[in-house]
Amino acid sequence: MSDKIEITRKKAVYIASTLVIRVRSRHGLVYWFIGAKPVEMTTTAAHDTGFAMVMQADQAEPGELVIVKINGVAVQFLPHNAKQVGGALLRKADDADDFQMRVNK
């Protein structure tokens, strides 16, 4: 089953979350941990998601949040946090791509 990811912007009140968010790359894949649940992504999916998060954060008006829905579960990000997480996804996608190139020589 593949994960469905939507990235939008919406005016809303930010509700602070205690979720720990981490991005890792391992063996040519990117893992995005939101809380304890990992979302496994190919390099293409991680790149597209990271790029979309950064673009939505850049276009956000004052008072807007970046909303990421993964399989119907929404996570709210302040625009500067969306840029950080999106940038991390882009970097880890690049690392995973480099790993794939080294292994597939």
PDB file of N, CA and C in Angstrom:
ATOM      1  N   MET A   1       0.837  -1.175   0.000  1.00  0.00           N
ATOM      2  CA  MET A   1       0.000   0.000   0.000  1.00  0.00           C
ATOM      3  C   MET A   1       0.883   1.240   0.000  1.00  0.00           C
ATOM      4  N   SER A   2       0.602   2.167  -0.865  1.00  0.00           N
ATOM      5  CA  SER A   2       1.399   3.392  -0.906  1.00  0.00           C
ATOM      6  C   SER A   2       0.701   4.473  -0.088  1.00  0.00           C
ATOM      7  N   ASP A   3       1.494   5.358   0.462  1.00  0.00           N
ATOM      8  CA  ASP A   3       0.959   6.442   1.274  1.00  0.00           C
ATOM      9  C   ASP A   3       0.528   7.581   0.376  1.00  0.00           C
ATOM     10  N   LYS A   4      -0.587   8.222   0.723  1.00  0.00           N
ATOM     11  CA  LYS A   4      -1.063   9.384  -0.007  1.00  0.00           C
ATOM     12  C   LYS A   4      -0.694  10.619   0.799  1.00  0.00           C
ATOM     13  N   ILE A   5       0.005  11.538   0.158  1.00  0.00           N
ATOM     14  CA  ILE A   5       0.471  12.740   0.844  1.00  0.00           C
ATOM     15  C   ILE A   5      -0.074  13.967   0.125  1.00  0.00           C
ATOM     16  N   GLU A   6      -0.733  14.855   0.866  1.00  0.00           N
ATOM     17  CA  GLU A   6      -1.234  16.129   0.337  1.00  0.00           C
ATOM     18  C   GLU A   6      -0.597  17.253   1.128  1.00  0.00           C
ATOM     19  N   ILE A   7      -0.233  18.326   0.426  1.00  0.00           N
ATOM     20  CA  ILE A   7       0.367  19.483   1.100  1.00  0.00           C
ATOM     21  C   ILE A   7      -0.404  20.724   0.672  1.00  0.00           C
ATOM     22  N   THR A   8      -0.992  21.425   1.635  1.00  0.00           N
ATOM     23  CA  THR A   8      -1.783  22.613   1.348  1.00  0.00           C
ATOM     24  C   THR A   8      -1.455  23.692   2.379  1.00  0.00           C
ATOM     25  N   ARG A   9      -2.071  24.865   2.171  1.00  0.00           N
ATOM     26  CA  ARG A   9      -1.976  25.954   3.137  1.00  0.00           C
ATOM     27  C   ARG A   9      -3.381  26.290   3.606  1.00  0.00           C
ATOM     28  N   LYS A  10      -3.480  26.770   4.845  1.00  0.00           N
ATOM     29  CA  LYS A  10      -4.784  27.130   5.369  1.00  0.00           C
ATOM     30  C   LYS A  10      -4.592  28.110   6.515  1.00  0.00           C
ATOM     31  N   LYS A  11      -5.494  29.095   6.596  1.00  0.00           N
ATOM     32  CA  LYS A  11      -5.479  29.983   7.753  1.00  0.00           C
ATOM     33  C   LYS A  11      -6.060  29.194   8.918  1.00  0.00           C
ATOM     34  N   ALA A  12      -5.320  29.151   9.998  1.00  0.00           N
ATOM     35  CA  ALA A  12      -5.768  28.387  11.163  1.00  0.00           C
ATOM     36  C   ALA A  12      -4.999  28.856  12.386  1.00  0.00           C
ATOM     37  N   VAL A  13      -5.468  28.426  13.515  1.00  0.00           N
ATOM     38  CA  VAL A  13      -4.763  28.670  14.765  1.00  0.00           C
ATOM     39  C   VAL A  13      -3.796  27.519  14.948  1.00  0.00           C
ATOM     40  N   TYR A  14      -2.544  27.841  15.170  1.00  0.00           N
ATOM     41  CA  TYR A  14      -1.528  26.801  15.336  1.00  0.00           C
ATOM     42  C   TYR A  14      -1.688  26.134  16.695  1.00  0.00           C
ATOM     43  N   ILE A  15      -1.738  24.825  16.684  1.00  0.00           N
ATOM     44  CA  ILE A  15      -1.812  24.047  17.919  1.00  0.00           C
ATOM     45  C   ILE A  15      -0.461  23.366  18.088  1.00  0.00           C
ATOM     46  N   ALA A  16       0.258  23.758  19.098  1.00  0.00           N
ATOM     47  CA  ALA A  16       1.590  23.195  19.317  1.00  0.00           C
ATOM     48  C   ALA A  16       1.486  21.689  19.549  1.00  0.00           C
ATOM     49  N   SER A  17       2.411  20.976  18.963  1.00  0.00           N
ATOM     50  CA  SER A  17       2.407  19.523  19.060  1.00  0.00           C
ATOM     51  C   SER A  17       3.661  19.059  19.780  1.00  0.00           C
ATOM     52  N   THR A  18       3.562  17.921  20.412  1.00  0.00           N
ATOM     53  CA  THR A  18       4.732  17.359  21.079  1.00  0.00           C
ATOM     54  C   THR A  18       5.343  16.236  20.245  1.00  0.00           C
ATOM     55  N   LEU A  19       4.917  16.118  18.985  1.00  0.00           N
ATOM     56  CA  LEU A  19       5.473  15.084  18.122  1.00  0.00           C
ATOM     57  C   LEU A  19       6.941  15.364  17.825  1.00  0.00           C
ATOM     58  N   VAL A  20       7.730  14.326  17.865  1.00  0.00           N
ATOM     59  CA  VAL A  20       9.130  14.440  17.467  1.00  0.00           C
ATOM     60  C   VAL A  20       9.190  14.076  15.987  1.00  0.00           C
ATOM     61  N   ILE A  21       9.762  14.964  15.188  1.00  0.00           N
ATOM     62  CA  ILE A  21       9.834  14.733  13.745  1.00  0.00           C
ATOM     63  C   ILE A  21      11.294  14.571  13.366  1.00  0.00           C
ATOM     64  N   ARG A  22      11.590  13.464  12.684  1.00  0.00           N
ATOM     65  CA  ARG A  22      12.954  13.181  12.238  1.00  0.00           C
ATOM     66  C   ARG A  22      12.914  12.690  10.807  1.00  0.00           C
ATOM     67  N   VAL A  23      13.983  12.971  10.087  1.00  0.00           N
ATOM     68  CA  VAL A  23      14.125  12.492   8.716  1.00  0.00           C
ATOM     69  C   VAL A  23      15.452  11.757   8.622  1.00  0.00           C
ATOM     70  N   ARG A  24      15.421  10.544   8.108  1.00  0.00           N
ATOM     71  CA  ARG A  24      16.622   9.713   7.969  1.00  0.00           C
ATOM     72  C   ARG A  24      16.666   9.107   6.575  1.00  0.00           C
ATOM     73  N   SER A  25      17.871   8.779   6.130  1.00  0.00           N
ATOM     74  CA  SER A  25      18.011   7.996   4.894  1.00  0.00           C
ATOM     75  C   SER A  25      18.794   6.736   5.236  1.00  0.00           C
ATOM     76  N   ARG A  26      18.381   5.636   4.612  1.00  0.00           N
ATOM     77  CA  ARG A  26      19.051   4.372   4.868  1.00  0.00           C
ATOM     78  C   ARG A  26      18.823   3.453   3.686  1.00  0.00           C
ATOM     79  N   HIS A  27      19.902   2.924   3.168  1.00  0.00           N
ATOM     80  CA  HIS A  27      19.859   1.955   2.063  1.00  0.00           C
ATOM     81  C   HIS A  27      19.034   2.458   0.872  1.00  0.00           C
ATOM     82  N   GLY A  28      19.203   3.717   0.525  1.00  0.00           N
ATOM     83  CA  GLY A  28      18.557   4.257  -0.661  1.00  0.00           C
ATOM     84  C   GLY A  28      17.112   4.671  -0.480  1.00  0.00           C
ATOM     85  N   LEU A  29      16.598   4.668   0.743  1.00  0.00           N
ATOM     86  CA  LEU A  29      15.237   5.123   1.013  1.00  0.00           C
ATOM     87  C   LEU A  29      15.271   6.238   2.047  1.00  0.00           C
ATOM     88  N   VAL A  30      14.208   7.016   2.102  1.00  0.00           N
ATOM     89  CA  VAL A  30      14.090   8.102   3.065  1.00  0.00           C
ATOM     90  C   VAL A  30      12.972   7.734   4.039  1.00  0.00           C
ATOM     91  N   TYR A  31      13.245   7.880   5.317  1.00  0.00           N
ATOM     92  CA  TYR A  31      12.266   7.593   6.353  1.00  0.00           C
ATOM     93  C   TYR A  31      11.941   8.895   7.072  1.00  0.00           C
ATOM     94  N   TRP A  32      10.654   9.225   7.110  1.00  0.00           N
ATOM     95  CA  TRP A  32      10.186  10.424   7.776  1.00  0.00           C
ATOM     96  C   TRP A  32       9.402   9.962   8.999  1.00  0.00           C
ATOM     97  N   PHE A  33       9.969  10.167  10.178  1.00  0.00           N
ATOM     98  CA  PHE A  33       9.325   9.751  11.419  1.00  0.00           C
ATOM     99  C   PHE A  33       8.508  10.908  11.964  1.00  0.00           C
ATOM    100  N   ILE A  34       7.211  10.691  12.098  1.00  0.00           N
ATOM    101  CA  ILE A  34       6.322  11.669  12.729  1.00  0.00           C
ATOM    102  C   ILE A  34       5.815  10.978  13.984  1.00  0.00           C
ATOM    103  N   GLY A  35       6.345  11.394  15.122  1.00  0.00           N
ATOM    104  CA  GLY A  35       6.090  10.640  16.344  1.00  0.00           C
ATOM    105  C   GLY A  35       6.869   9.341  16.245  1.00  0.00           C
ATOM    106  N   ALA A  36       6.211   8.234  16.494  1.00  0.00           N
ATOM    107  CA  ALA A  36       6.879   6.935  16.421  1.00  0.00           C
ATOM    108  C   ALA A  36       6.615   6.226  15.102  1.00  0.00           C
ATOM    109  N   LYS A  37       5.760   6.812  14.246  1.00  0.00           N
ATOM    110  CA  LYS A  37       5.377   6.140  13.009  1.00  0.00           C
ATOM    111  C   LYS A  37       6.230   6.619  11.842  1.00  0.00           C
ATOM    112  N   PRO A  38       6.943   5.696  11.186  1.00  0.00           N
ATOM    113  CA  PRO A  38       7.747   6.103  10.030  1.00  0.00           C
ATOM    114  C   PRO A  38       6.936   6.066   8.738  1.00  0.00           C
ATOM    115  N   VAL A  39       7.233   6.996   7.857  1.00  0.00           N
ATOM    116  CA  VAL A  39       6.713   6.974   6.498  1.00  0.00           C
ATOM    117  C   VAL A  39       7.915   6.693   5.605  1.00  0.00           C
ATOM    118  N   GLU A  40       7.900   5.551   4.930  1.00  0.00           N
ATOM    119  CA  GLU A  40       9.012   5.163   4.060  1.00  0.00           C
ATOM    120  C   GLU A  40       8.768   5.762   2.673  1.00  0.00           C
ATOM    121  N   MET A  41       9.779   6.446   2.134  1.00  0.00           N
ATOM    122  CA  MET A  41       9.636   7.122   0.852  1.00  0.00           C
ATOM    123  C   MET A  41      10.783   6.769  -0.083  1.00  0.00           C
ATOM    124  N   THR A  42      10.470   6.720  -1.362  1.00  0.00           N
ATOM    125  CA  THR A  42      11.528   6.626  -2.356  1.00  0.00           C
ATOM    126  C   THR A  42      12.176   8.000  -2.456  1.00  0.00           C
ATOM    127  N   THR A  43      13.296   8.074  -3.137  1.00  0.00           N
ATOM    128  CA  THR A  43      13.967   9.371  -3.267  1.00  0.00           C
ATOM    129  C   THR A  43      13.090  10.356  -4.038  1.00  0.00           C
ATOM    130  N   THR A  44      12.374   9.871  -5.037  1.00  0.00           N
ATOM    131  CA  THR A  44      11.504  10.752  -5.832  1.00  0.00           C
ATOM    132  C   THR A  44      10.374  11.308  -4.980  1.00  0.00           C
ATOM    133  N   ALA A  45       9.731  10.450  -4.199  1.00  0.00           N
ATOM    134  CA  ALA A  45       8.630  10.902  -3.348  1.00  0.00           C
ATOM    135  C   ALA A  45       9.127  11.881  -2.284  1.00  0.00           C
ATOM    136  N   ALA A  46      10.284  11.597  -1.688  1.00  0.00           N
ATOM    137  CA  ALA A  46      10.838  12.491  -0.668  1.00  0.00           C
ATOM    138  C   ALA A  46      11.202  13.841  -1.278  1.00  0.00           C
ATOM    139  N   HIS A  47      11.784  13.824  -2.474  1.00  0.00           N
ATOM    140  CA  HIS A  47      12.135  15.080  -3.149  1.00  0.00           C
ATOM    141  C   HIS A  47      10.887  15.890  -3.448  1.00  0.00           C
ATOM    142  N   ASP A  48       9.875  15.254  -4.013  1.00  0.00           N
ATOM    143  CA  ASP A  48       8.641  15.969  -4.368  1.00  0.00           C
ATOM    144  C   ASP A  48       7.945  16.525  -3.126  1.00  0.00           C
ATOM    145  N   THR A  49       7.904  15.741  -2.053  1.00  0.00           N
ATOM    146  CA  THR A  49       7.265  16.185  -0.819  1.00  0.00           C
ATOM    147  C   THR A  49       8.044  17.345  -0.198  1.00  0.00           C
ATOM    148  N   GLY A  50       9.355  17.217  -0.117  1.00  0.00           N
ATOM    149  CA  GLY A  50      10.180  18.281   0.446  1.00  0.00           C
ATOM    150  C   GLY A  50      10.070  19.565  -0.351  1.00  0.00           C
ATOM    151  N   PHE A  51      10.121  19.445  -1.673  1.00  0.00           N
ATOM    152  CA  PHE A  51      10.015  20.623  -2.538  1.00  0.00           C
ATOM    153  C   PHE A  51       8.652  21.293  -2.368  1.00  0.00           C
ATOM    154  N   ALA A  52       7.583  20.496  -2.316  1.00  0.00           N
ATOM    155  CA  ALA A  52       6.242  21.054  -2.151  1.00  0.00           C
ATOM    156  C   ALA A  52       6.094  21.752  -0.799  1.00  0.00           C
ATOM    157  N   MET A  53       6.686  21.181   0.240  1.00  0.00           N
ATOM    158  CA  MET A  53       6.604  21.814   1.563  1.00  0.00           C
ATOM    159  C   MET A  53       7.315  23.170   1.567  1.00  0.00           C
ATOM    160  N   VAL A  54       8.488  23.239   0.958  1.00  0.00           N
ATOM    161  CA  VAL A  54       9.235  24.492   0.902  1.00  0.00           C
ATOM    162  C   VAL A  54       8.475  25.526   0.074  1.00  0.00           C
ATOM    163  N   MET A  55       7.920  25.105  -1.051  1.00  0.00           N
ATOM    164  CA  MET A  55       7.179  26.042  -1.910  1.00  0.00           C
ATOM    165  C   MET A  55       5.926  26.558  -1.204  1.00  0.00           C
ATOM    166  N   GLN A  56       5.185  25.671  -0.533  1.00  0.00           N
ATOM    167  CA  GLN A  56       3.985  26.111   0.187  1.00  0.00           C
ATOM    168  C   GLN A  56       4.368  27.055   1.330  1.00  0.00           C
ATOM    169  N   ALA A  57       5.476  26.791   1.996  1.00  0.00           N
ATOM    170  CA  ALA A  57       5.928  27.670   3.081  1.00  0.00           C
ATOM    171  C   ALA A  57       6.323  29.039   2.541  1.00  0.00           C
ATOM    172  N   ASP A  58       6.974  29.074   1.375  1.00  0.00           N
ATOM    173  CA  ASP A  58       7.358  30.357   0.775  1.00  0.00           C
ATOM    174  C   ASP A  58       6.143  31.184   0.368  1.00  0.00           C
ATOM    175  N   GLN A  59       5.076  30.528  -0.035  1.00  0.00           N
ATOM    176  CA  GLN A  59       3.877  31.222  -0.520  1.00  0.00           C
ATOM    177  C   GLN A  59       2.886  31.534   0.598  1.00  0.00           C
ATOM    178  N   ALA A  60       3.171  31.111   1.815  1.00  0.00           N
ATOM    179  CA  ALA A  60       2.232  31.300   2.924  1.00  0.00           C
ATOM    180  C   ALA A  60       2.099  32.775   3.289  1.00  0.00           C
ATOM    181  N   GLU A  61       0.870  33.184   3.466  1.00  0.00           N
ATOM    182  CA  GLU A  61       0.549  34.535   3.930  1.00  0.00           C
ATOM    183  C   GLU A  61       0.632  34.543   5.462  1.00  0.00           C
ATOM    184  N   PRO A  62       0.728  35.716   6.068  1.00  0.00           N
ATOM    185  CA  PRO A  62       0.707  35.763   7.537  1.00  0.00           C
ATOM    186  C   PRO A  62      -0.572  35.111   8.078  1.00  0.00           C
ATOM    187  N   GLY A  63      -0.410  34.254   9.057  1.00  0.00           N
ATOM    188  CA  GLY A  63      -1.554  33.566   9.655  1.00  0.00           C
ATOM    189  C   GLY A  63      -1.864  32.222   9.023  1.00  0.00           C
ATOM    190  N   GLU A  64      -1.178  31.868   7.932  1.00  0.00           N
ATOM    191  CA  GLU A  64      -1.415  30.580   7.286  1.00  0.00           C
ATOM    192  C   GLU A  64      -0.432  29.536   7.802  1.00  0.00           C
ATOM    193  N   LEU A  65      -0.891  28.311   7.814  1.00  0.00           N
ATOM    194  CA  LEU A  65      -0.064  27.174   8.193  1.00  0.00           C
ATOM    195  C   LEU A  65       0.091  26.263   6.992  1.00  0.00           C
ATOM    196  N   VAL A  66       1.119  25.466   6.980  1.00  0.00           N
ATOM    197  CA  VAL A  66       1.298  24.442   5.959  1.00  0.00           C
ATOM    198  C   VAL A  66       0.754  23.149   6.552  1.00  0.00           C
ATOM    199  N   ILE A  67      -0.212  22.565   5.867  1.00  0.00           N
ATOM    200  CA  ILE A  67      -0.866  21.355   6.343  1.00  0.00           C
ATOM    201  C   ILE A  67      -0.382  20.185   5.485  1.00  0.00           C
ATOM    202  N   VAL A  68       0.160  19.167   6.127  1.00  0.00           N
ATOM    203  CA  VAL A  68       0.598  17.959   5.431  1.00  0.00           C
ATOM    204  C   VAL A  68      -0.336  16.838   5.869  1.00  0.00           C
ATOM    205  N   LYS A  69      -1.037  16.250   4.902  1.00  0.00           N
ATOM    206  CA  LYS A  69      -1.924  15.126   5.198  1.00  0.00           C
ATOM    207  C   LYS A  69      -1.284  13.862   4.656  1.00  0.00           C
ATOM    208  N   ILE A  70      -1.067  12.912   5.544  1.00  0.00           N
ATOM    209  CA  ILE A  70      -0.506  11.620   5.157  1.00  0.00           C
ATOM    210  C   ILE A  70      -1.558  10.575   5.487  1.00  0.00           C
ATOM    211  N   ASN A  71      -2.109   9.963   4.449  1.00  0.00           N
ATOM    212  CA  ASN A  71      -3.187   8.980   4.618  1.00  0.00           C
ATOM    213  C   ASN A  71      -4.334   9.533   5.461  1.00  0.00           C
ATOM    214  N   GLY A  72      -4.691  10.794   5.233  1.00  0.00           N
ATOM    215  CA  GLY A  72      -5.820  11.402   5.922  1.00  0.00           C
ATOM    216  C   GLY A  72      -5.505  12.011   7.275  1.00  0.00           C
ATOM    217  N   VAL A  73      -4.305  11.801   7.809  1.00  0.00           N
ATOM    218  CA  VAL A  73      -3.925  12.377   9.099  1.00  0.00           C
ATOM    219  C   VAL A  73      -3.184  13.684   8.837  1.00  0.00           C
ATOM    220  N   ALA A  74      -3.719  14.784   9.368  1.00  0.00           N
ATOM    221  CA  ALA A  74      -3.145  16.100   9.100  1.00  0.00           C
ATOM    222  C   ALA A  74      -2.146  16.495  10.186  1.00  0.00           C
ATOM    223  N   VAL A  75      -1.021  17.053   9.737  1.00  0.00           N
ATOM    224  CA  VAL A  75      -0.012  17.609  10.637  1.00  0.00           C
ATOM    225  C   VAL A  75       0.191  19.062  10.228  1.00  0.00           C
ATOM    226  N   GLN A  76       0.088  19.977  11.205  1.00  0.00           N
ATOM    227  CA  GLN A  76       0.234  21.402  10.937  1.00  0.00           C
ATOM    228  C   GLN A  76       1.672  21.830  11.176  1.00  0.00           C
ATOM    229  N   PHE A  77       2.170  22.666  10.260  1.00  0.00           N
ATOM    230  CA  PHE A  77       3.513  23.227  10.410  1.00  0.00           C
ATOM    231  C   PHE A  77       3.435  24.732  10.256  1.00  0.00           C
ATOM    232  N   LEU A  78       4.162  25.447  11.100  1.00  0.00           N
ATOM    233  CA  LEU A  78       4.385  26.860  10.844  1.00  0.00           C
ATOM    234  C   LEU A  78       5.264  26.938   9.597  1.00  0.00           C
ATOM    235  N   PRO A  79       5.149  27.996   8.801  1.00  0.00           N
ATOM    236  CA  PRO A  79       5.923  28.053   7.553  1.00  0.00           C
ATOM    237  C   PRO A  79       7.422  27.834   7.727  1.00  0.00           C
ATOM    238  N   HIS A  80       8.035  28.408   8.770  1.00  0.00           N
ATOM    239  CA  HIS A  80       9.479  28.214   8.917  1.00  0.00           C
ATOM    240  C   HIS A  80       9.816  26.767   9.284  1.00  0.00           C
ATOM    241  N   ASN A  81       8.930  26.091  10.022  1.00  0.00           N
ATOM    242  CA  ASN A  81       9.159  24.678  10.327  1.00  0.00           C
ATOM    243  C   ASN A  81       8.961  23.807   9.087  1.00  0.00           C
ATOM    244  N   ALA A  82       8.010  24.181   8.246  1.00  0.00           N
ATOM    245  CA  ALA A  82       7.785  23.437   6.997  1.00  0.00           C
ATOM    246  C   ALA A  82       9.013  23.539   6.096  1.00  0.00           C
ATOM    247  N   LYS A  83       9.644  24.707   6.087  1.00  0.00           N
ATOM    248  CA  LYS A  83      10.878  24.861   5.300  1.00  0.00           C
ATOM    249  C   LYS A  83      11.983  23.970   5.849  1.00  0.00           C
ATOM    250  N   GLN A  84      12.103  23.901   7.161  1.00  0.00           N
ATOM    251  CA  GLN A  84      13.142  23.072   7.770  1.00  0.00           C
ATOM    252  C   GLN A  84      12.925  21.591   7.449  1.00  0.00           C
ATOM    253  N   VAL A  85      11.704  21.117   7.625  1.00  0.00           N
ATOM    254  CA  VAL A  85      11.413  19.702   7.371  1.00  0.00           C
ATOM    255  C   VAL A  85      11.517  19.406   5.868  1.00  0.00           C
ATOM    256  N   GLY A  86      11.008  20.316   5.039  1.00  0.00           N
ATOM    257  CA  GLY A  86      11.113  20.133   3.585  1.00  0.00           C
ATOM    258  C   GLY A  86      12.567  20.094   3.139  1.00  0.00           C
ATOM    259  N   GLY A  87      13.390  20.976   3.700  1.00  0.00           N
ATOM    260  CA  GLY A  87      14.816  20.975   3.371  1.00  0.00           C
ATOM    261  C   GLY A  87      15.493  19.692   3.824  1.00  0.00           C
ATOM    262  N   ALA A  88      15.097  19.182   4.994  1.00  0.00           N
ATOM    263  CA  ALA A  88      15.664  17.920   5.480  1.00  0.00           C
ATOM    264  C   ALA A  88      15.279  16.771   4.548  1.00  0.00           C
ATOM    265  N   LEU A  89      14.031  16.768   4.074  1.00  0.00           N
ATOM    266  CA  LEU A  89      13.610  15.725   3.125  1.00  0.00           C
ATOM    267  C   LEU A  89      14.424  15.804   1.839  1.00  0.00           C
ATOM    268  N   LEU A  90      14.683  17.025   1.362  1.00  0.00           N
ATOM    269  CA  LEU A  90      15.479  17.184   0.138  1.00  0.00           C
ATOM    270  C   LEU A  90      16.915  16.696   0.343  1.00  0.00           C
ATOM    271  N   ARG A  91      17.519  17.042   1.479  1.00  0.00           N
ATOM    272  CA  ARG A  91      18.884  16.598   1.758  1.00  0.00           C
ATOM    273  C   ARG A  91      18.980  15.086   1.890  1.00  0.00           C
ATOM    274  N   LYS A  92      18.032  14.497   2.597  1.00  0.00           N
ATOM    275  CA  LYS A  92      18.067  13.045   2.785  1.00  0.00           C
ATOM    276  C   LYS A  92      17.749  12.316   1.483  1.00  0.00           C
ATOM    277  N   ALA A  93      16.915  12.896   0.643  1.00  0.00           N
ATOM    278  CA  ALA A  93      16.658  12.296  -0.677  1.00  0.00           C
ATOM    279  C   ALA A  93      17.931  12.309  -1.508  1.00  0.00           C
ATOM    280  N   ASP A  94      18.702  13.392  -1.398  1.00  0.00           N
ATOM    281  CA  ASP A  94      19.975  13.474  -2.115  1.00  0.00           C
ATOM    282  C   ASP A  94      20.965  12.437  -1.580  1.00  0.00           C
ATOM    283  N   ASP A  95      21.017  12.273  -0.251  1.00  0.00           N
ATOM    284  CA  ASP A  95      21.894  11.258   0.347  1.00  0.00           C
ATOM    285  C   ASP A  95      21.511   9.853  -0.107  1.00  0.00           C
ATOM    286  N   ALA A  96      20.212   9.574  -0.117  1.00  0.00           N
ATOM    287  CA  ALA A  96      19.740   8.251  -0.540  1.00  0.00           C
ATOM    288  C   ALA A  96      20.046   8.011  -2.015  1.00  0.00           C
ATOM    289  N   ASP A  97      19.925   9.060  -2.816  1.00  0.00           N
ATOM    290  CA  ASP A  97      20.260   8.963  -4.242  1.00  0.00           C
ATOM    291  C   ASP A  97      21.745   8.657  -4.428  1.00  0.00           C
ATOM    292  N   ASP A  98      22.603   9.329  -3.651  1.00  0.00           N
ATOM    293  CA  ASP A  98      24.033   9.082  -3.707  1.00  0.00           C
ATOM    294  C   ASP A  98      24.354   7.628  -3.329  1.00  0.00           C
ATOM    295  N   PHE A  99      23.671   7.110  -2.303  1.00  0.00           N
ATOM    296  CA  PHE A  99      23.859   5.726  -1.893  1.00  0.00           C
ATOM    297  C   PHE A  99      23.504   4.777  -3.042  1.00  0.00           C
ATOM    298  N   GLN A 100      22.371   5.048  -3.697  1.00  0.00           N
ATOM    299  CA  GLN A 100      21.948   4.197  -4.808  1.00  0.00           C
ATOM    300  C   GLN A 100      22.968   4.222  -5.942  1.00  0.00           C
ATOM    301  N   MET A 101      23.551   5.376  -6.199  1.00  0.00           N
ATOM    302  CA  MET A 101      24.544   5.484  -7.264  1.00  0.00           C
ATOM    303  C   MET A 101      25.813   4.717  -6.908  1.00  0.00           C
ATOM    304  N   ARG A 102      26.245   4.777  -5.651  1.00  0.00           N
ATOM    305  CA  ARG A 102      27.432   4.030  -5.223  1.00  0.00           C
ATOM    306  C   ARG A 102      27.205   2.531  -5.326  1.00  0.00           C
ATOM    307  N   VAL A 103      26.032   2.073  -4.920  1.00  0.00           N
ATOM    308  CA  VAL A 103      25.743   0.635  -4.902  1.00  0.00           C
ATOM    309  C   VAL A 103      25.546   0.094  -6.313  1.00  0.00           C
ATOM    310  N   ASN A 104      24.959   0.877  -7.185  1.00  0.00           N
ATOM    311  CA  ASN A 104      24.614   0.407  -8.532  1.00  0.00           C
ATOM    312  C   ASN A 104      25.667   0.725  -9.586  1.00  0.00           C
ATOM    313  N   LYS A 105      26.915   0.925  -9.166  1.00  0.00           N
ATOM    314  CA  LYS A 105      28.000   1.214 -10.127  1.00  0.00           C
ATOM    315  C   LYS A 105      28.240   0.025 -11.019  1.00  0.00           C
TER     316      LYS A 105
END
